[in-house]
């Protein structure tokens, strides 16, 4: 299958340049997509662009506007927007190399694959990629995508380069704004010891094939059932799992069989509802330890 690149331009390390193409490294989320339907006619609803004063208007006639005050806009045509040219519009210029652990995980955003664009680009691309691999650090460059200049973190991966867009400092909230209200009181040491044993029981390798979107799978089953004319049964809400005796709940969890979705019956706060989806490790776990943000 031939993939369409998200961006095409050049990769440059000092005076060494080669044509490259940037491809999204992930698929768009979910296979179940819904449309808005009028249940009386079974027709799909169409969204019509409308001016509140004059009524419907052709989308091709619209321009972009930036609101400078309430109801006052600076209008920009697409040609005017395209006229804003930065070097990073067509060139990823590697500006610096940093240790992977210097980039806090909260800044990592979306992954892309960077590959040489054409056979003639492969030699120069290989030189840059191999040099980066021997340096053992993350290369930083910039790229303009979707009318935004983004910082890129580049690292060798296989025969190509893995590129991550990085969030700007202004996009990242300070952790203290959320965490400051958490109590400083140290938890009970014996409880921590039991919790650590529970963690040891659940340790294992990361296998992404084991993690599926169970909600999407349930939606597919729902659709199939309705296709066959089956009546869909209402699912009971999970019971509240408020823990009355934390130590007892920890001990019950430790004695539970591997893979069990609820603690033993003797626990004072059994979780009788379905287990929540397993949380996959952060997508940048391979980048090593992180420093504290904020």
C-alpha atoms as a PDB file:
ATOM      1  CA  UNK A   1       0.000   0.000   0.000  1.00  0.00           C
ATOM      2  CA  UNK A   2       1.395   3.388  -1.013  1.00  0.00           C
ATOM      3  CA  UNK A   3       1.136   5.945   1.780  1.00  0.00           C
ATOM      4  CA  UNK A   4       0.693   9.632   1.110  1.00  0.00           C
ATOM      5  CA  UNK A   5       3.274  11.799   2.901  1.00  0.00           C
ATOM      6  CA  UNK A   6       2.080  14.415   5.363  1.00  0.00           C
ATOM      7  CA  UNK A   7       4.953  16.710   4.448  1.00  0.00           C
ATOM      8  CA  UNK A   8       7.718  16.771   1.823  1.00  0.00           C
ATOM      9  CA  UNK A   9      10.868  18.842   1.868  1.00  0.00           C
ATOM     10  CA  UNK A  10      14.520  18.530   2.862  1.00  0.00           C
ATOM     11  CA  UNK A  11      16.471  17.357   5.890  1.00  0.00           C
ATOM     12  CA  UNK A  12      19.638  19.322   6.565  1.00  0.00           C
ATOM     13  CA  UNK A  13      22.576  18.700   8.878  1.00  0.00           C
ATOM     14  CA  UNK A  14      24.909  21.671   8.440  1.00  0.00           C
ATOM     15  CA  UNK A  15      25.790  21.571   4.697  1.00  0.00           C
ATOM     16  CA  UNK A  16      24.464  18.043   4.070  1.00  0.00           C
ATOM     17  CA  UNK A  17      20.940  18.094   2.619  1.00  0.00           C
ATOM     18  CA  UNK A  18      18.618  15.458   1.181  1.00  0.00           C
ATOM     19  CA  UNK A  19      14.958  15.293   0.075  1.00  0.00           C
ATOM     20  CA  UNK A  20      12.725  13.612   2.677  1.00  0.00           C
ATOM     21  CA  UNK A  21       9.074  12.777   3.249  1.00  0.00           C
ATOM     22  CA  UNK A  22       7.236  12.725   6.575  1.00  0.00           C
ATOM     23  CA  UNK A  23       4.531  10.086   7.134  1.00  0.00           C
ATOM     24  CA  UNK A  24       2.135   9.714  10.053  1.00  0.00           C
ATOM     25  CA  UNK A  25       3.212   6.747  12.180  1.00  0.00           C
ATOM     26  CA  UNK A  26      -0.280   5.945  13.487  1.00  0.00           C
ATOM     27  CA  UNK A  27      -3.712   5.229  12.072  1.00  0.00           C
ATOM     28  CA  UNK A  28      -6.636   7.508  12.825  1.00  0.00           C
ATOM     29  CA  UNK A  29      -8.388   6.298  15.946  1.00  0.00           C
ATOM     30  CA  UNK A  30     -11.188   3.786  15.724  1.00  0.00           C
ATOM     31  CA  UNK A  31     -12.952   2.002  12.903  1.00  0.00           C
ATOM     32  CA  UNK A  32     -16.454   2.781  14.153  1.00  0.00           C
ATOM     33  CA  UNK A  33     -17.544   6.119  12.732  1.00  0.00           C
ATOM     34  CA  UNK A  34     -21.043   7.494  13.190  1.00  0.00           C
ATOM     35  CA  UNK A  35     -23.075   9.866  11.029  1.00  0.00           C
ATOM     36  CA  UNK A  36     -25.942  12.046  12.190  1.00  0.00           C
ATOM     37  CA  UNK A  37     -29.229  10.591  10.909  1.00  0.00           C
ATOM     38  CA  UNK A  38     -32.774  11.913  10.985  1.00  0.00           C
ATOM     39  CA  UNK A  39     -34.653   8.914  12.505  1.00  0.00           C
ATOM     40  CA  UNK A  40     -37.918  10.009  10.855  1.00  0.00           C
ATOM     41  CA  UNK A  41     -36.542   9.804   7.288  1.00  0.00           C
ATOM     42  CA  UNK A  42     -33.353   7.730   7.782  1.00  0.00           C
ATOM     43  CA  UNK A  43     -31.506  10.457   5.857  1.00  0.00           C
ATOM     44  CA  UNK A  44     -27.989  11.543   6.699  1.00  0.00           C
ATOM     45  CA  UNK A  45     -27.886  15.140   7.915  1.00  0.00           C
ATOM     46  CA  UNK A  46     -25.885  17.608   5.836  1.00  0.00           C
ATOM     47  CA  UNK A  47     -24.050  20.469   7.477  1.00  0.00           C
ATOM     48  CA  UNK A  48     -24.710  23.689   5.564  1.00  0.00           C
ATOM     49  CA  UNK A  49     -22.476  26.751   5.985  1.00  0.00           C
ATOM     50  CA  UNK A  50     -24.799  29.617   6.812  1.00  0.00           C
ATOM     51  CA  UNK A  51     -24.468  33.361   7.308  1.00  0.00           C
ATOM     52  CA  UNK A  52     -26.835  34.464  10.112  1.00  0.00           C
ATOM     53  CA  UNK A  53     -27.930  37.474   8.011  1.00  0.00           C
ATOM     54  CA  UNK A  54     -27.943  36.242   4.410  1.00  0.00           C
ATOM     55  CA  UNK A  55     -28.441  32.496   4.809  1.00  0.00           C
ATOM     56  CA  UNK A  56     -26.512  29.602   3.162  1.00  0.00           C
ATOM     57  CA  UNK A  57     -23.196  30.461   1.477  1.00  0.00           C
ATOM     58  CA  UNK A  58     -20.790  28.452  -0.675  1.00  0.00           C
ATOM     59  CA  UNK A  59     -17.790  27.211   1.324  1.00  0.00           C
ATOM     60  CA  UNK A  60     -15.475  28.207  -1.554  1.00  0.00           C
ATOM     61  CA  UNK A  61     -16.361  31.868  -0.965  1.00  0.00           C
ATOM     62  CA  UNK A  62     -15.255  31.835   2.662  1.00  0.00           C
ATOM     63  CA  UNK A  63     -11.993  33.288   3.965  1.00  0.00           C
ATOM     64  CA  UNK A  64     -10.277  32.955   7.326  1.00  0.00           C
ATOM     65  CA  UNK A  65     -10.600  35.657   9.950  1.00  0.00           C
ATOM     66  CA  UNK A  66      -8.789  36.459  13.188  1.00  0.00           C
ATOM     67  CA  UNK A  67     -10.923  38.114  15.885  1.00  0.00           C
ATOM     68  CA  UNK A  68      -9.138  41.177  17.256  1.00  0.00           C
ATOM     69  CA  UNK A  69     -12.138  42.348  19.324  1.00  0.00           C
ATOM     70  CA  UNK A  70     -15.748  41.275  19.796  1.00  0.00           C
ATOM     71  CA  UNK A  71     -17.234  40.940  16.295  1.00  0.00           C
ATOM     72  CA  UNK A  72     -14.199  42.547  14.577  1.00  0.00           C
ATOM     73  CA  UNK A  73     -12.033  40.342  12.362  1.00  0.00           C
ATOM     74  CA  UNK A  74      -8.891  40.681  10.289  1.00  0.00           C
ATOM     75  CA  UNK A  75      -9.633  38.770   7.065  1.00  0.00           C
ATOM     76  CA  UNK A  76      -6.919  36.696   5.393  1.00  0.00           C
ATOM     77  CA  UNK A  77      -7.090  34.897   2.068  1.00  0.00           C
ATOM     78  CA  UNK A  78      -5.347  31.558   1.588  1.00  0.00           C
ATOM     79  CA  UNK A  79      -2.847  33.250  -0.764  1.00  0.00           C
ATOM     80  CA  UNK A  80      -1.928  35.713   1.982  1.00  0.00           C
ATOM     81  CA  UNK A  81      -1.459  32.880   4.469  1.00  0.00           C
ATOM     82  CA  UNK A  82       0.663  30.956   1.950  1.00  0.00           C
ATOM     83  CA  UNK A  83       2.834  34.055   1.521  1.00  0.00           C
ATOM     84  CA  UNK A  84       4.153  33.620   5.065  1.00  0.00           C
ATOM     85  CA  UNK A  85       7.268  31.628   4.247  1.00  0.00           C
ATOM     86  CA  UNK A  86       9.638  30.246   6.861  1.00  0.00           C
ATOM     87  CA  UNK A  87      12.640  28.102   6.045  1.00  0.00           C
ATOM     88  CA  UNK A  88      11.039  25.302   8.078  1.00  0.00           C
ATOM     89  CA  UNK A  89       8.166  25.282   5.568  1.00  0.00           C
ATOM     90  CA  UNK A  90      10.354  23.219   3.242  1.00  0.00           C
ATOM     91  CA  UNK A  91      13.438  22.310   5.299  1.00  0.00           C
ATOM     92  CA  UNK A  92      13.947  20.460   8.581  1.00  0.00           C
ATOM     93  CA  UNK A  93      17.185  22.037   9.747  1.00  0.00           C
ATOM     94  CA  UNK A  94      18.786  20.092  12.616  1.00  0.00           C
ATOM     95  CA  UNK A  95      19.653  22.791  15.143  1.00  0.00           C
ATOM     96  CA  UNK A  96      20.891  20.868  18.162  1.00  0.00           C
ATOM     97  CA  UNK A  97      21.421  17.476  19.802  1.00  0.00           C
ATOM     98  CA  UNK A  98      20.204  16.726  23.332  1.00  0.00           C
ATOM     99  CA  UNK A  99      20.094  13.633  25.597  1.00  0.00           C
ATOM    100  CA  UNK A 100      16.725  11.867  25.395  1.00  0.00           C
ATOM    101  CA  UNK A 101      16.232  12.100  29.173  1.00  0.00           C
ATOM    102  CA  UNK A 102      16.378  15.908  28.961  1.00  0.00           C
ATOM    103  CA  UNK A 103      12.998  16.015  27.212  1.00  0.00           C
ATOM    104  CA  UNK A 104      10.142  15.647  29.694  1.00  0.00           C
ATOM    105  CA  UNK A 105       7.638  13.065  28.497  1.00  0.00           C
ATOM    106  CA  UNK A 106       4.793  15.557  28.743  1.00  0.00           C
ATOM    107  CA  UNK A 107       6.238  17.442  25.746  1.00  0.00           C
ATOM    108  CA  UNK A 108       6.185  14.466  23.345  1.00  0.00           C
ATOM    109  CA  UNK A 109       3.229  14.741  20.969  1.00  0.00           C
ATOM    110  CA  UNK A 110       2.569  12.871  17.685  1.00  0.00           C
ATOM    111  CA  UNK A 111       4.886  10.323  16.004  1.00  0.00           C
ATOM    112  CA  UNK A 112       5.922  10.349  12.336  1.00  0.00           C
ATOM    113  CA  UNK A 113       8.238   8.325  10.139  1.00  0.00           C
ATOM    114  CA  UNK A 114      10.864  10.292   8.209  1.00  0.00           C
ATOM    115  CA  UNK A 115      12.238   8.622   5.082  1.00  0.00           C
ATOM    116  CA  UNK A 116      14.343   9.617   2.044  1.00  0.00           C
ATOM    117  CA  UNK A 117      12.209  10.938  -0.803  1.00  0.00           C
ATOM    118  CA  UNK A 118      13.530   9.122  -3.856  1.00  0.00           C
ATOM    119  CA  UNK A 119      16.543   6.899  -4.599  1.00  0.00           C
ATOM    120  CA  UNK A 120      18.945   9.802  -5.117  1.00  0.00           C
ATOM    121  CA  UNK A 121      18.298  10.955  -1.537  1.00  0.00           C
ATOM    122  CA  UNK A 122      19.187   7.655   0.113  1.00  0.00           C
ATOM    123  CA  UNK A 123      22.968   8.067   0.385  1.00  0.00           C
ATOM    124  CA  UNK A 124      22.860  11.485   2.086  1.00  0.00           C
ATOM    125  CA  UNK A 125      19.950  10.318   4.282  1.00  0.00           C
ATOM    126  CA  UNK A 126      21.959   7.253   5.371  1.00  0.00           C
ATOM    127  CA  UNK A 127      24.935   9.446   6.296  1.00  0.00           C
ATOM    128  CA  UNK A 128      22.759  11.713   8.465  1.00  0.00           C
ATOM    129  CA  UNK A 129      20.881   8.798  10.063  1.00  0.00           C
ATOM    130  CA  UNK A 130      24.040   6.812  10.858  1.00  0.00           C
ATOM    131  CA  UNK A 131      25.764   9.899  12.309  1.00  0.00           C
ATOM    132  CA  UNK A 132      22.741  10.518  14.540  1.00  0.00           C
ATOM    133  CA  UNK A 133      22.740   6.911  15.715  1.00  0.00           C
ATOM    134  CA  UNK A 134      26.419   7.055  16.679  1.00  0.00           C
ATOM    135  CA  UNK A 135      25.824  10.313  18.550  1.00  0.00           C
ATOM    136  CA  UNK A 136      23.179   8.544  20.655  1.00  0.00           C
ATOM    137  CA  UNK A 137      21.181  11.716  21.195  1.00  0.00           C
ATOM    138  CA  UNK A 138      17.915  13.300  20.049  1.00  0.00           C
ATOM    139  CA  UNK A 139      18.180  15.734  17.153  1.00  0.00           C
ATOM    140  CA  UNK A 140      15.952  18.821  17.271  1.00  0.00           C
ATOM    141  CA  UNK A 141      14.628  20.601  14.190  1.00  0.00           C
ATOM    142  CA  UNK A 142      11.581  22.567  13.091  1.00  0.00           C
ATOM    143  CA  UNK A 143       8.863  21.959  10.529  1.00  0.00           C
ATOM    144  CA  UNK A 144       5.758  23.862   9.391  1.00  0.00           C
ATOM    145  CA  UNK A 145       2.650  21.655   9.227  1.00  0.00           C
ATOM    146  CA  UNK A 146      -1.000  22.733   9.150  1.00  0.00           C
ATOM    147  CA  UNK A 147      -0.128  26.441   9.441  1.00  0.00           C
ATOM    148  CA  UNK A 148       1.979  25.833  12.565  1.00  0.00           C
ATOM    149  CA  UNK A 149       5.703  25.603  13.089  1.00  0.00           C
ATOM    150  CA  UNK A 150       6.416  22.590  15.275  1.00  0.00           C
ATOM    151  CA  UNK A 151       9.586  21.473  17.003  1.00  0.00           C
ATOM    152  CA  UNK A 152      10.616  17.972  15.918  1.00  0.00           C
ATOM    153  CA  UNK A 153      12.554  15.401  17.920  1.00  0.00           C
ATOM    154  CA  UNK A 154      14.391  13.020  15.574  1.00  0.00           C
ATOM    155  CA  UNK A 155      15.979   9.673  16.385  1.00  0.00           C
ATOM    156  CA  UNK A 156      17.126   6.739  14.218  1.00  0.00           C
ATOM    157  CA  UNK A 157      14.686   3.837  13.992  1.00  0.00           C
ATOM    158  CA  UNK A 158      15.414   0.850  11.780  1.00  0.00           C
ATOM    159  CA  UNK A 159      16.545   2.106   8.375  1.00  0.00           C
ATOM    160  CA  UNK A 160      14.732   5.415   8.840  1.00  0.00           C
ATOM    161  CA  UNK A 161      14.108   8.115  11.421  1.00  0.00           C
ATOM    162  CA  UNK A 162      11.334   8.407  13.989  1.00  0.00           C
ATOM    163  CA  UNK A 163      10.152  11.997  14.347  1.00  0.00           C
ATOM    164  CA  UNK A 164       7.998  13.290  17.183  1.00  0.00           C
ATOM    165  CA  UNK A 165       6.403  16.719  17.226  1.00  0.00           C
ATOM    166  CA  UNK A 166       7.035  18.379  20.579  1.00  0.00           C
ATOM    167  CA  UNK A 167       4.560  20.594  22.391  1.00  0.00           C
ATOM    168  CA  UNK A 168       5.659  24.135  23.131  1.00  0.00           C
ATOM    169  CA  UNK A 169       6.160  25.316  26.694  1.00  0.00           C
ATOM    170  CA  UNK A 170       2.981  27.417  26.422  1.00  0.00           C
ATOM    171  CA  UNK A 171       0.945  24.277  25.605  1.00  0.00           C
ATOM    172  CA  UNK A 172       1.992  22.388  28.729  1.00  0.00           C
ATOM    173  CA  UNK A 173       0.258  23.093  32.020  1.00  0.00           C
ATOM    174  CA  UNK A 174       2.327  23.318  35.173  1.00  0.00           C
ATOM    175  CA  UNK A 175       1.912  20.177  37.249  1.00  0.00           C
ATOM    176  CA  UNK A 176       1.720  22.205  40.451  1.00  0.00           C
ATOM    177  CA  UNK A 177      -1.614  23.615  39.284  1.00  0.00           C
ATOM    178  CA  UNK A 178      -3.069  20.105  39.589  1.00  0.00           C
ATOM    179  CA  UNK A 179      -0.850  18.377  42.153  1.00  0.00           C
ATOM    180  CA  UNK A 180      -0.485  21.068  44.843  1.00  0.00           C
ATOM    181  CA  UNK A 181      -3.772  20.040  46.480  1.00  0.00           C
ATOM    182  CA  UNK A 182      -2.511  16.465  47.029  1.00  0.00           C
ATOM    183  CA  UNK A 183      -1.635  15.740  50.665  1.00  0.00           C
ATOM    184  CA  UNK A 184       2.046  15.555  51.665  1.00  0.00           C
ATOM    185  CA  UNK A 185       1.273  12.864  54.258  1.00  0.00           C
ATOM    186  CA  UNK A 186       3.403   9.756  53.719  1.00  0.00           C
ATOM    187  CA  UNK A 187       1.373   6.572  53.117  1.00  0.00           C
ATOM    188  CA  UNK A 188       1.586   3.619  55.503  1.00  0.00           C
ATOM    189  CA  UNK A 189       4.815   1.650  54.891  1.00  0.00           C
ATOM    190  CA  UNK A 190       3.156  -1.754  55.334  1.00  0.00           C
ATOM    191  CA  UNK A 191       0.501  -0.853  52.774  1.00  0.00           C
ATOM    192  CA  UNK A 192       3.192   0.204  50.314  1.00  0.00           C
ATOM    193  CA  UNK A 193       4.976  -3.140  50.830  1.00  0.00           C
ATOM    194  CA  UNK A 194       1.810  -5.058  49.938  1.00  0.00           C
ATOM    195  CA  UNK A 195       1.117  -2.795  46.949  1.00  0.00           C
ATOM    196  CA  UNK A 196       4.654  -3.420  45.681  1.00  0.00           C
ATOM    197  CA  UNK A 197       4.067  -7.171  45.831  1.00  0.00           C
ATOM    198  CA  UNK A 198       0.855  -6.700  43.829  1.00  0.00           C
ATOM    199  CA  UNK A 199       2.860  -4.762  41.248  1.00  0.00           C
ATOM    200  CA  UNK A 200       5.428  -7.577  41.063  1.00  0.00           C
ATOM    201  CA  UNK A 201       2.623 -10.048  40.346  1.00  0.00           C
ATOM    202  CA  UNK A 202       1.498  -7.922  37.398  1.00  0.00           C
ATOM    203  CA  UNK A 203       4.937  -7.333  35.880  1.00  0.00           C
ATOM    204  CA  UNK A 204       5.566  -8.495  32.327  1.00  0.00           C
ATOM    205  CA  UNK A 205       6.753  -7.410  28.879  1.00  0.00           C
ATOM    206  CA  UNK A 206       4.868  -4.782  26.920  1.00  0.00           C
ATOM    207  CA  UNK A 207       3.018  -6.425  24.039  1.00  0.00           C
ATOM    208  CA  UNK A 208       0.838  -3.875  22.209  1.00  0.00           C
ATOM    209  CA  UNK A 209      -1.024  -6.687  20.423  1.00  0.00           C
ATOM    210  CA  UNK A 210      -2.597  -7.602  23.779  1.00  0.00           C
ATOM    211  CA  UNK A 211      -4.245  -4.205  24.090  1.00  0.00           C
ATOM    212  CA  UNK A 212      -7.373  -3.662  22.042  1.00  0.00           C
ATOM    213  CA  UNK A 213     -10.050  -0.990  22.245  1.00  0.00           C
ATOM    214  CA  UNK A 214     -12.682  -2.980  24.116  1.00  0.00           C
ATOM    215  CA  UNK A 215     -15.187  -0.154  23.854  1.00  0.00           C
ATOM    216  CA  UNK A 216     -14.886  -0.151  20.062  1.00  0.00           C
ATOM    217  CA  UNK A 217     -15.241  -3.940  20.000  1.00  0.00           C
ATOM    218  CA  UNK A 218     -18.383  -3.658  22.122  1.00  0.00           C
ATOM    219  CA  UNK A 219     -19.768  -1.050  19.697  1.00  0.00           C
ATOM    220  CA  UNK A 220     -19.141  -3.418  16.775  1.00  0.00           C
ATOM    221  CA  UNK A 221     -20.990  -6.190  18.617  1.00  0.00           C
ATOM    222  CA  UNK A 222     -23.862  -3.792  19.292  1.00  0.00           C
ATOM    223  CA  UNK A 223     -24.079  -2.871  15.598  1.00  0.00           C
ATOM    224  CA  UNK A 224     -24.010  -6.532  14.534  1.00  0.00           C
ATOM    225  CA  UNK A 225     -26.761  -7.370  17.022  1.00  0.00           C
ATOM    226  CA  UNK A 226     -28.986  -4.587  15.718  1.00  0.00           C
ATOM    227  CA  UNK A 227     -28.256  -5.647  12.130  1.00  0.00           C
ATOM    228  CA  UNK A 228     -29.649  -9.073  12.982  1.00  0.00           C
ATOM    229  CA  UNK A 229     -32.704  -7.524  14.611  1.00  0.00           C
ATOM    230  CA  UNK A 230     -31.729  -8.547  18.131  1.00  0.00           C
ATOM    231  CA  UNK A 231     -32.970  -6.501  21.042  1.00  0.00           C
ATOM    232  CA  UNK A 232     -30.080  -4.909  22.890  1.00  0.00           C
ATOM    233  CA  UNK A 233     -30.099  -5.592  26.621  1.00  0.00           C
ATOM    234  CA  UNK A 234     -29.338  -2.715  28.954  1.00  0.00           C
ATOM    235  CA  UNK A 235     -26.017  -3.213  30.722  1.00  0.00           C
ATOM    236  CA  UNK A 236     -26.008  -2.715  34.477  1.00  0.00           C
ATOM    237  CA  UNK A 237     -23.887   0.130  35.803  1.00  0.00           C
ATOM    238  CA  UNK A 238     -20.711  -0.950  37.660  1.00  0.00           C
ATOM    239  CA  UNK A 239     -21.079  -0.823  41.431  1.00  0.00           C
ATOM    240  CA  UNK A 240     -19.288   1.872  43.387  1.00  0.00           C
ATOM    241  CA  UNK A 241     -15.907   0.542  44.538  1.00  0.00           C
ATOM    242  CA  UNK A 242     -15.353   2.907  47.452  1.00  0.00           C
ATOM    243  CA  UNK A 243     -12.746   1.272  49.695  1.00  0.00           C
ATOM    244  CA  UNK A 244     -13.803   1.108  53.350  1.00  0.00           C
ATOM    245  CA  UNK A 245     -10.744  -0.771  54.642  1.00  0.00           C
ATOM    246  CA  UNK A 246      -7.717  -0.072  52.443  1.00  0.00           C
ATOM    247  CA  UNK A 247      -5.449  -2.599  54.152  1.00  0.00           C
ATOM    248  CA  UNK A 248      -8.049  -5.370  53.797  1.00  0.00           C
ATOM    249  CA  UNK A 249      -8.521  -4.485  50.096  1.00  0.00           C
ATOM    250  CA  UNK A 250      -4.750  -4.635  49.535  1.00  0.00           C
ATOM    251  CA  UNK A 251      -4.466  -8.039  51.239  1.00  0.00           C
ATOM    252  CA  UNK A 252      -7.405  -9.379  49.236  1.00  0.00           C
ATOM    253  CA  UNK A 253      -5.824  -8.099  46.023  1.00  0.00           C
ATOM    254  CA  UNK A 254      -2.534  -9.794  46.876  1.00  0.00           C
ATOM    255  CA  UNK A 255      -4.238 -13.150  47.464  1.00  0.00           C
ATOM    256  CA  UNK A 256      -6.398 -12.922  44.331  1.00  0.00           C
ATOM    257  CA  UNK A 257      -5.570 -15.240  41.445  1.00  0.00           C
ATOM    258  CA  UNK A 258      -3.554 -13.701  38.557  1.00  0.00           C
ATOM    259  CA  UNK A 259      -5.895 -12.194  35.995  1.00  0.00           C
ATOM    260  CA  UNK A 260      -8.781 -11.852  38.443  1.00  0.00           C
ATOM    261  CA  UNK A 261     -10.905  -8.779  37.796  1.00  0.00           C
ATOM    262  CA  UNK A 262     -12.166  -8.395  41.361  1.00  0.00           C
ATOM    263  CA  UNK A 263     -10.801  -8.965  44.879  1.00  0.00           C
ATOM    264  CA  UNK A 264     -11.761 -11.920  47.027  1.00  0.00           C
ATOM    265  CA  UNK A 265     -15.222 -11.940  48.596  1.00  0.00           C
ATOM    266  CA  UNK A 266     -13.902 -11.286  52.111  1.00  0.00           C
ATOM    267  CA  UNK A 267     -12.763  -7.784  51.151  1.00  0.00           C
ATOM    268  CA  UNK A 268     -15.012  -5.042  52.489  1.00  0.00           C
ATOM    269  CA  UNK A 269     -15.037  -3.188  49.177  1.00  0.00           C
ATOM    270  CA  UNK A 270     -15.220  -5.734  46.343  1.00  0.00           C
ATOM    271  CA  UNK A 271     -15.050  -4.391  42.790  1.00  0.00           C
ATOM    272  CA  UNK A 272     -17.917  -6.276  41.128  1.00  0.00           C
ATOM    273  CA  UNK A 273     -18.000  -4.205  37.954  1.00  0.00           C
ATOM    274  CA  UNK A 274     -16.010  -4.909  34.840  1.00  0.00           C
ATOM    275  CA  UNK A 275     -12.311  -4.203  35.033  1.00  0.00           C
ATOM    276  CA  UNK A 276     -11.284  -0.953  33.467  1.00  0.00           C
ATOM    277  CA  UNK A 277      -9.154  -1.043  30.323  1.00  0.00           C
ATOM    278  CA  UNK A 278      -5.483  -1.658  30.981  1.00  0.00           C
ATOM    279  CA  UNK A 279      -3.492   1.497  30.604  1.00  0.00           C
ATOM    280  CA  UNK A 280      -0.662   1.136  28.144  1.00  0.00           C
ATOM    281  CA  UNK A 281       2.702   2.647  29.051  1.00  0.00           C
ATOM    282  CA  UNK A 282       3.388   6.162  27.851  1.00  0.00           C
ATOM    283  CA  UNK A 283       4.214   6.188  24.166  1.00  0.00           C
ATOM    284  CA  UNK A 284       7.652   7.639  24.825  1.00  0.00           C
ATOM    285  CA  UNK A 285       8.731   5.113  27.439  1.00  0.00           C
ATOM    286  CA  UNK A 286      11.663   4.159  25.216  1.00  0.00           C
ATOM    287  CA  UNK A 287      13.105   7.611  25.658  1.00  0.00           C
ATOM    288  CA  UNK A 288      14.260   6.858  29.197  1.00  0.00           C
ATOM    289  CA  UNK A 289      13.796   8.750  32.425  1.00  0.00           C
ATOM    290  CA  UNK A 290      12.361  12.224  32.524  1.00  0.00           C
ATOM    291  CA  UNK A 291      12.977  15.283  34.587  1.00  0.00           C
ATOM    292  CA  UNK A 292      10.363  17.034  36.646  1.00  0.00           C
ATOM    293  CA  UNK A 293       8.247  19.500  34.696  1.00  0.00           C
ATOM    294  CA  UNK A 294       7.287  22.910  35.908  1.00  0.00           C
END
